[in-house]
């Protein structure tokens, strides 16, 4: 038998096939057709420049105000260590474990997440915490609801012209366990979309309506 006999090569081929069938594994064509970047949330497709969110009306730019109800959750190693629900006080502060009064007025939820994370890290209280800041619905505000495998589940502010991809990015994007299949429930009727195809521009990014329910499904064997 030669240097690369079948009995020597076969185990490596079997192992490679097994890896390709693991949940969330990318197909061979994906590696050559879709640019990717590795970040804290796993492998996330790069977005074309023209889809990046710059519109100040988008929910990710909605500032926190006095008397807003707010929810702050802090995860360390995947487990919640802080769950705080309350009202932004008259001074623009919330009360955080170990930090006390913490000023967040006029910050967007994303900015508040960054500042809270930095405060815990600089105080050497938590190492690399994952922070989510969530604003429930205001009385004068229409919302959509995100569930499943996104990084910030729950209701999010709706604006005219909002698309499915924008809503998912505004909710912190697909989580590490999320797949490409997204179900939008409108009036109780489900419609399934492929968020990967939308990112690539090979599928239409649908417009949303107030009270749409959006569920990002878990990554599957052939996702």
Protein backbone atom coordinates (compact mmCIF):
# COMPACT_ATOMS: atom_id res chain seq x y z
CA UNK A 1 0.00 0.00 0.00
CA UNK A 2 1.16 3.53 -0.74
CA UNK A 3 1.94 6.33 1.69
CA UNK A 4 -1.70 7.59 1.59
CA UNK A 5 -3.51 4.26 1.75
CA UNK A 6 -7.28 4.13 2.22
CA UNK A 7 -7.14 2.79 5.78
CA UNK A 8 -4.97 5.74 6.84
CA UNK A 9 -6.98 8.48 5.09
CA UNK A 10 -10.52 7.18 5.78
CA UNK A 11 -10.64 8.14 9.53
CA UNK A 12 -9.79 11.74 8.68
CA UNK A 13 -12.51 11.89 6.01
CA UNK A 14 -15.11 10.51 8.45
CA UNK A 15 -14.09 13.02 11.13
CA UNK A 16 -14.36 15.91 8.66
CA UNK A 17 -17.83 14.82 7.56
CA UNK A 18 -18.96 14.60 11.19
CA UNK A 19 -17.79 18.15 11.87
CA UNK A 20 -19.67 19.44 8.84
CA UNK A 21 -22.90 17.91 10.15
CA UNK A 22 -22.68 19.58 13.59
CA UNK A 23 -25.41 22.15 14.44
CA UNK A 24 -24.56 25.59 13.14
CA UNK A 25 -21.77 24.31 10.92
CA UNK A 26 -21.35 26.31 7.71
CA UNK A 27 -21.48 24.70 4.29
CA UNK A 28 -18.43 24.61 2.03
CA UNK A 29 -20.02 27.18 -0.29
CA UNK A 30 -20.52 29.56 2.64
CA UNK A 31 -16.79 29.75 3.26
CA UNK A 32 -16.20 31.00 -0.28
CA UNK A 33 -19.27 33.19 -0.87
CA UNK A 34 -19.87 35.00 2.43
CA UNK A 35 -17.29 37.09 4.36
CA UNK A 36 -17.36 36.37 8.09
CA UNK A 37 -15.92 37.88 11.23
CA UNK A 38 -15.33 36.26 14.61
CA UNK A 39 -16.65 38.24 17.57
CA UNK A 40 -17.94 37.54 21.06
CA UNK A 41 -21.24 36.25 19.67
CA UNK A 42 -19.65 33.71 17.32
CA UNK A 43 -19.45 33.74 13.54
CA UNK A 44 -21.48 36.71 12.29
CA UNK A 45 -21.75 37.56 8.55
CA UNK A 46 -20.41 40.99 7.67
CA UNK A 47 -23.10 43.41 6.52
CA UNK A 48 -22.71 45.47 3.36
CA UNK A 49 -22.00 49.12 4.16
CA UNK A 50 -25.37 50.26 2.80
CA UNK A 51 -27.30 48.17 5.36
CA UNK A 52 -25.58 49.49 8.45
CA UNK A 53 -27.95 51.44 10.66
CA UNK A 54 -27.40 55.20 10.78
CA UNK A 55 -31.00 56.42 11.02
CA UNK A 56 -31.38 58.22 14.39
CA UNK A 57 -35.05 57.14 14.53
CA UNK A 58 -34.03 53.49 14.89
CA UNK A 59 -34.72 51.95 18.35
CA UNK A 60 -31.01 51.49 19.05
CA UNK A 61 -30.73 55.31 19.11
CA UNK A 62 -33.79 55.92 21.32
CA UNK A 63 -32.52 57.79 24.45
CA UNK A 64 -33.39 56.80 28.01
CA UNK A 65 -35.49 59.39 29.85
CA UNK A 66 -36.45 60.15 33.45
CA UNK A 67 -39.36 58.00 34.69
CA UNK A 68 -38.69 55.32 32.04
CA UNK A 69 -39.21 51.79 33.21
CA UNK A 70 -36.03 49.88 32.49
CA UNK A 71 -34.63 46.39 32.84
CA UNK A 72 -30.91 45.66 33.24
CA UNK A 73 -29.58 42.11 33.08
CA UNK A 74 -25.91 41.22 33.50
CA UNK A 75 -24.52 37.82 32.55
CA UNK A 76 -21.17 36.36 33.56
CA UNK A 77 -20.11 33.10 31.91
CA UNK A 78 -23.63 32.77 30.51
CA UNK A 79 -25.40 33.02 33.89
CA UNK A 80 -27.38 36.08 35.07
CA UNK A 81 -25.80 37.75 38.09
CA UNK A 82 -27.85 40.97 38.06
CA UNK A 83 -31.54 41.34 37.22
CA UNK A 84 -32.75 44.87 37.91
CA UNK A 85 -36.20 46.22 37.05
CA UNK A 86 -37.10 49.74 38.05
CA UNK A 87 -37.65 53.38 37.13
CA UNK A 88 -35.06 55.95 36.08
CA UNK A 89 -35.21 58.45 38.93
CA UNK A 90 -35.55 62.25 38.79
CA UNK A 91 -31.77 62.58 38.62
CA UNK A 92 -31.46 60.19 35.67
CA UNK A 93 -30.03 57.37 37.80
CA UNK A 94 -30.75 53.69 38.30
CA UNK A 95 -29.55 51.58 41.22
CA UNK A 96 -27.06 48.84 40.30
CA UNK A 97 -25.67 46.08 42.51
CA UNK A 98 -22.25 47.03 43.97
CA UNK A 99 -22.18 50.29 41.94
CA UNK A 100 -25.05 52.16 43.62
CA UNK A 101 -26.58 55.11 41.73
CA UNK A 102 -25.63 54.95 38.07
CA UNK A 103 -26.42 57.78 35.62
CA UNK A 104 -27.92 56.65 32.30
CA UNK A 105 -30.30 59.45 31.24
CA UNK A 106 -29.97 60.49 27.56
CA UNK A 107 -27.93 57.40 26.77
CA UNK A 108 -29.31 54.94 24.26
CA UNK A 109 -29.77 51.36 25.50
CA UNK A 110 -26.64 50.36 23.55
CA UNK A 111 -24.61 53.20 25.08
CA UNK A 112 -25.88 52.30 28.56
CA UNK A 113 -24.84 48.69 28.04
CA UNK A 114 -21.31 49.80 27.16
CA UNK A 115 -21.01 52.21 30.10
CA UNK A 116 -22.36 49.67 32.61
CA UNK A 117 -20.03 46.98 31.30
CA UNK A 118 -17.06 49.36 31.54
CA UNK A 119 -17.98 50.39 35.10
CA UNK A 120 -18.12 46.79 36.34
CA UNK A 121 -14.85 45.92 34.60
CA UNK A 122 -12.98 49.02 35.82
CA UNK A 123 -14.24 48.38 39.36
CA UNK A 124 -12.92 44.79 39.01
CA UNK A 125 -16.30 43.44 40.06
CA UNK A 126 -16.98 41.33 36.95
CA UNK A 127 -14.67 40.21 34.15
CA UNK A 128 -16.11 40.60 30.64
CA UNK A 129 -19.79 40.77 31.64
CA UNK A 130 -22.51 40.72 28.98
CA UNK A 131 -24.97 43.55 29.70
CA UNK A 132 -28.46 44.01 28.26
CA UNK A 133 -30.50 47.17 28.82
CA UNK A 134 -34.14 46.94 27.83
CA UNK A 135 -36.77 49.71 27.64
CA UNK A 136 -40.34 48.38 27.86
CA UNK A 137 -43.03 49.98 25.76
CA UNK A 138 -43.83 53.62 26.45
CA UNK A 139 -47.50 54.68 26.42
CA UNK A 140 -47.05 56.64 23.18
CA UNK A 141 -44.94 54.03 21.42
CA UNK A 142 -45.73 51.22 18.98
CA UNK A 143 -43.63 48.09 19.38
CA UNK A 144 -42.56 44.81 17.82
CA UNK A 145 -41.66 41.73 19.86
CA UNK A 146 -38.49 39.67 19.45
CA UNK A 147 -38.14 36.19 20.91
CA UNK A 148 -35.93 33.17 20.46
CA UNK A 149 -32.23 33.39 19.75
CA UNK A 150 -31.48 37.11 19.72
CA UNK A 151 -29.31 38.86 22.28
CA UNK A 152 -32.09 41.16 23.57
CA UNK A 153 -35.50 39.54 23.63
CA UNK A 154 -38.72 41.39 24.40
CA UNK A 155 -40.61 44.38 22.96
CA UNK A 156 -38.67 46.94 20.92
CA UNK A 157 -39.82 50.32 19.57
CA UNK A 158 -41.26 50.27 16.06
CA UNK A 159 -40.76 52.96 13.43
CA UNK A 160 -42.15 53.37 9.94
CA UNK A 161 -40.00 51.68 7.33
CA UNK A 162 -38.36 49.27 9.77
CA UNK A 163 -37.24 46.02 8.17
CA UNK A 164 -36.73 42.54 9.61
CA UNK A 165 -32.94 42.76 9.43
CA UNK A 166 -32.89 46.17 11.12
CA UNK A 167 -35.09 44.86 13.94
CA UNK A 168 -32.83 41.87 14.56
CA UNK A 169 -29.70 44.03 14.58
CA UNK A 170 -31.45 46.49 16.91
CA UNK A 171 -32.05 43.58 19.28
CA UNK A 172 -28.35 42.81 19.48
CA UNK A 173 -28.33 40.50 16.43
CA UNK A 174 -28.68 36.73 16.31
CA UNK A 175 -27.17 35.00 19.36
CA UNK A 176 -24.49 32.33 19.17
CA UNK A 177 -27.14 29.57 19.16
CA UNK A 178 -29.34 31.26 16.58
CA UNK A 179 -29.76 30.00 13.05
CA UNK A 180 -30.80 31.54 9.74
CA UNK A 181 -34.54 30.80 9.99
CA UNK A 182 -36.76 33.60 11.33
CA UNK A 183 -40.52 33.39 11.75
CA UNK A 184 -42.64 36.56 11.69
CA UNK A 185 -46.11 36.21 13.22
CA UNK A 186 -48.61 38.80 12.00
CA UNK A 187 -52.18 38.46 13.19
CA UNK A 188 -51.33 34.94 14.30
CA UNK A 189 -50.17 33.91 10.80
CA UNK A 190 -46.51 32.78 10.58
CA UNK A 191 -44.20 33.59 7.67
CA UNK A 192 -40.67 32.13 7.56
CA UNK A 193 -37.65 34.06 6.27
CA UNK A 194 -33.96 33.22 5.86
CA UNK A 195 -31.94 35.98 7.51
CA UNK A 196 -28.72 34.75 5.90
CA UNK A 197 -30.20 35.21 2.43
CA UNK A 198 -31.45 38.67 3.43
CA UNK A 199 -27.93 39.64 4.56
CA UNK A 200 -26.53 38.42 1.25
CA UNK A 201 -29.08 40.44 -0.69
CA UNK A 202 -30.53 37.34 -2.36
CA UNK A 203 -33.86 37.69 -0.54
CA UNK A 204 -36.09 40.70 0.12
CA UNK A 205 -35.78 42.29 3.57
CA UNK A 206 -39.49 42.55 4.52
CA UNK A 207 -41.05 45.60 6.10
CA UNK A 208 -42.46 45.12 9.58
CA UNK A 209 -45.69 46.36 11.15
CA UNK A 210 -46.53 47.32 14.74
CA UNK A 211 -47.14 44.30 17.00
CA UNK A 212 -45.31 41.86 14.71
CA UNK A 213 -43.90 38.90 16.65
CA UNK A 214 -40.42 37.85 15.45
CA UNK A 215 -38.87 34.56 16.52
CA UNK A 216 -35.28 33.62 15.62
CA UNK A 217 -35.02 29.84 15.56
CA UNK A 218 -32.16 27.75 16.90
CA UNK A 219 -29.45 26.68 14.48
CA UNK A 220 -30.20 23.22 13.08
CA UNK A 221 -28.28 20.39 11.45
CA UNK A 222 -28.54 21.80 7.95
CA UNK A 223 -28.88 25.50 8.81
